[in-house]
C-alpha atoms as a PDB file:
ATOM      1  CA  MET A   1      23.914   8.762  47.361  1.00  0.00           C
ATOM      2  CA  ILE A   2      25.759   9.956  50.668  1.00  0.00           C
ATOM      3  CA  ARG A   3      24.117  12.348  52.895  1.00  0.00           C
ATOM      4  CA  LEU A   4      26.623  14.527  55.003  1.00  0.00           C
ATOM      5  CA  THR A   5      26.129  15.833  58.254  1.00  0.00           C
ATOM      6  CA  GLU A   6      25.710  19.263  58.779  1.00  0.00           C
ATOM      7  CA  GLN A   7      29.562  19.144  60.672  1.00  0.00           C
ATOM      8  CA  ALA A   8      30.744  17.184  57.568  1.00  0.00           C
ATOM      9  CA  ARG A   9      29.437  20.117  55.077  1.00  0.00           C
ATOM     10  CA  GLY A  10      30.983  22.810  57.052  1.00  0.00           C
ATOM     11  CA  ARG A  11      34.375  21.268  57.271  1.00  0.00           C
ATOM     12  CA  TRP A  12      34.031  20.447  53.880  1.00  0.00           C
ATOM     13  CA  SER A  13      33.063  23.801  52.954  1.00  0.00           C
ATOM     14  CA  ALA A  14      36.136  25.383  55.006  1.00  0.00           C
ATOM     15  CA  VAL A  15      38.797  23.376  53.108  1.00  0.00           C
ATOM     16  CA  PHE A  16      37.308  24.124  49.680  1.00  0.00           C
ATOM     17  CA  ARG A  17      36.851  28.008  50.731  1.00  0.00           C
ATOM     18  CA  ILE A  18      40.397  27.566  51.847  1.00  0.00           C
ATOM     19  CA  ALA A  19      41.339  26.072  48.509  1.00  0.00           C
ATOM     20  CA  ALA A  20      39.873  28.926  47.227  1.00  0.00           C
ATOM     21  CA  GLY A  21      41.438  31.564  49.213  1.00  0.00           C
ATOM     22  CA  THR A  22      45.472  30.444  48.704  1.00  0.00           C
ATOM     23  CA  LEU A  23      44.937  28.366  45.656  1.00  0.00           C
ATOM     24  CA  GLY A  24      42.677  30.148  43.499  1.00  0.00           C
ATOM     25  CA  ALA A  25      44.130  33.493  44.382  1.00  0.00           C
ATOM     26  CA  TYR A  26      47.329  32.424  43.648  1.00  0.00           C
ATOM     27  CA  GLY A  27      46.341  31.926  39.980  1.00  0.00           C
ATOM     28  CA  LEU A  28      44.454  34.456  39.841  1.00  0.00           C
ATOM     29  CA  THR A  29      46.704  36.884  41.288  1.00  0.00           C
ATOM     30  CA  SER A  30      49.555  35.271  38.910  1.00  0.00           C
ATOM     31  CA  LEU A  31      47.264  36.423  35.760  1.00  0.00           C
ATOM     32  CA  VAL A  32      46.516  40.136  37.191  1.00  0.00           C
ATOM     33  CA  THR A  33      50.423  40.175  37.401  1.00  0.00           C
ATOM     34  CA  VAL A  34      51.305  38.992  34.030  1.00  0.00           C
ATOM     35  CA  ALA A  35      48.250  41.114  32.847  1.00  0.00           C
ATOM     36  CA  LEU A  36      49.662  44.741  34.546  1.00  0.00           C
ATOM     37  CA  SER A  37      53.218  43.941  33.250  1.00  0.00           C
ATOM     38  CA  LEU A  38      52.284  44.025  30.267  1.00  0.00           C
ATOM     39  CA  LEU A  39      49.862  46.567  29.965  1.00  0.00           C
ATOM     40  CA  LEU A  40      52.791  48.919  31.862  1.00  0.00           C
ATOM     41  CA  ALA A  41      55.247  47.440  29.301  1.00  0.00           C
ATOM     42  CA  ARG A  42      52.827  48.820  26.534  1.00  0.00           C
ATOM     43  CA  ILE A  43      52.304  52.142  27.865  1.00  0.00           C
ATOM     44  CA  GLY A  44      55.679  52.995  28.029  1.00  0.00           C
ATOM     45  CA  MET A  45      57.382  52.054  30.859  1.00  0.00           C
ATOM     46  CA  THR A  46      60.453  49.524  30.676  1.00  0.00           C
ATOM     47  CA  ARG A  47      60.097  45.974  31.103  1.00  0.00           C
ATOM     48  CA  VAL A  48      62.100  46.196  34.003  1.00  0.00           C
ATOM     49  CA  GLU A  49      60.065  48.407  35.936  1.00  0.00           C
ATOM     50  CA  ALA A  50      56.655  47.019  34.768  1.00  0.00           C
ATOM     51  CA  VAL A  51      57.290  44.246  36.234  1.00  0.00           C
ATOM     52  CA  THR A  52      58.891  45.226  38.961  1.00  0.00           C
ATOM     53  CA  ALA A  53      55.788  47.463  39.443  1.00  0.00           C
ATOM     54  CA  ALA A  54      53.436  44.591  38.948  1.00  0.00           C
ATOM     55  CA  THR A  55      54.915  42.381  41.506  1.00  0.00           C
ATOM     56  CA  LEU A  56      54.636  45.142  44.065  1.00  0.00           C
ATOM     57  CA  ALA A  57      51.220  46.016  43.326  1.00  0.00           C
ATOM     58  CA  SER A  58      50.256  41.749  43.381  1.00  0.00           C
ATOM     59  CA  PHE A  59      51.014  41.634  47.133  1.00  0.00           C
ATOM     60  CA  VAL A  60      47.517  43.901  47.651  1.00  0.00           C
ATOM     61  CA  VAL A  61      45.833  42.401  44.683  1.00  0.00           C
ATOM     62  CA  PHE A  62      46.422  38.379  46.701  1.00  0.00           C
ATOM     63  CA  ALA A  63      45.625  40.108  49.797  1.00  0.00           C
ATOM     64  CA  VAL A  64      42.452  41.386  48.369  1.00  0.00           C
ATOM     65  CA  ILE A  65      41.382  38.433  46.545  1.00  0.00           C
ATOM     66  CA  ALA A  66      41.651  35.885  49.270  1.00  0.00           C
ATOM     67  CA  MET A  67      39.931  38.329  51.409  1.00  0.00           C
ATOM     68  CA  ALA A  68      37.178  38.276  48.923  1.00  0.00           C
ATOM     69  CA  THR A  69      37.165  34.851  48.724  1.00  0.00           C
ATOM     70  CA  PHE A  70      36.601  34.113  52.669  1.00  0.00           C
ATOM     71  CA  HIS A  71      33.800  37.097  52.487  1.00  0.00           C
ATOM     72  CA  ALA A  72      31.883  34.957  49.912  1.00  0.00           C
ATOM     73  CA  ARG A  73      28.485  33.455  50.821  1.00  0.00           C
ATOM     74  CA  ASN A  74      29.985  30.117  50.180  1.00  0.00           C
ATOM     75  CA  ALA A  75      33.025  28.005  48.569  1.00  0.00           C
ATOM     76  CA  ILE A  76      31.067  27.753  44.923  1.00  0.00           C
ATOM     77  CA  ARG A  77      30.259  31.356  44.916  1.00  0.00           C
ATOM     78  CA  ALA A  78      33.810  32.170  45.458  1.00  0.00           C
ATOM     79  CA  TRP A  79      35.445  29.698  42.981  1.00  0.00           C
ATOM     80  CA  GLY A  80      32.947  30.935  40.803  1.00  0.00           C
ATOM     81  CA  TRP A  81      33.906  34.536  40.955  1.00  0.00           C
ATOM     82  CA  LEU A  82      37.557  33.246  40.688  1.00  0.00           C
ATOM     83  CA  LEU A  83      37.172  31.321  37.401  1.00  0.00           C
ATOM     84  CA  ALA A  84      34.825  34.180  35.757  1.00  0.00           C
ATOM     85  CA  LEU A  85      37.479  37.150  36.363  1.00  0.00           C
ATOM     86  CA  SER A  86      40.063  34.452  35.142  1.00  0.00           C
ATOM     87  CA  VAL A  87      38.841  33.819  31.735  1.00  0.00           C
ATOM     88  CA  PRO A  88      39.050  37.255  30.626  1.00  0.00           C
ATOM     89  CA  LEU A  89      42.283  38.256  31.823  1.00  0.00           C
ATOM     90  CA  THR A  90      43.710  34.545  30.305  1.00  0.00           C
ATOM     91  CA  LEU A  91      42.480  35.788  26.705  1.00  0.00           C
ATOM     92  CA  ALA A  92      43.590  39.729  27.748  1.00  0.00           C
ATOM     93  CA  VAL A  93      47.218  38.161  28.328  1.00  0.00           C
ATOM     94  CA  LEU A  94      46.898  35.555  25.313  1.00  0.00           C
ATOM     95  CA  LEU A  95      46.139  38.268  23.047  1.00  0.00           C
ATOM     96  CA  SER A  96      48.645  40.877  24.032  1.00  0.00           C
ATOM     97  CA  SER A  97      51.790  38.933  24.345  1.00  0.00           C
ATOM     98  CA  PRO A  98      54.560  39.944  22.396  1.00  0.00           C
ATOM     99  CA  GLY A  99      55.209  36.374  20.734  1.00  0.00           C
ATOM    100  CA  THR A 100      51.085  36.111  19.676  1.00  0.00           C
ATOM    101  CA  HIS A 101      51.004  38.946  16.780  1.00  0.00           C
ATOM    102  CA  PRO A 102      51.871  38.459  13.120  1.00  0.00           C
END
């Protein structure tokens, strides 16, 4: 088994945290944007307005998610929160998509 030095562990932790704060936050923000635009369209907004509003909100959502991932105690916890939040959002998007209803 390979033993990492304290410095190497810190660097790898930073790499995984940066990946969570950028790639993970982008993925979760995309899911939030799609879910929000579907929800807004369903409650009566036109599709164009719903997508525009959700896209504008996504800038704030991305910033909050990125800050939360860097605020997490470790990279594993940050990735865990990203995955835990993405599963119900994915199900909501799949169930509320227009092409999935019989």
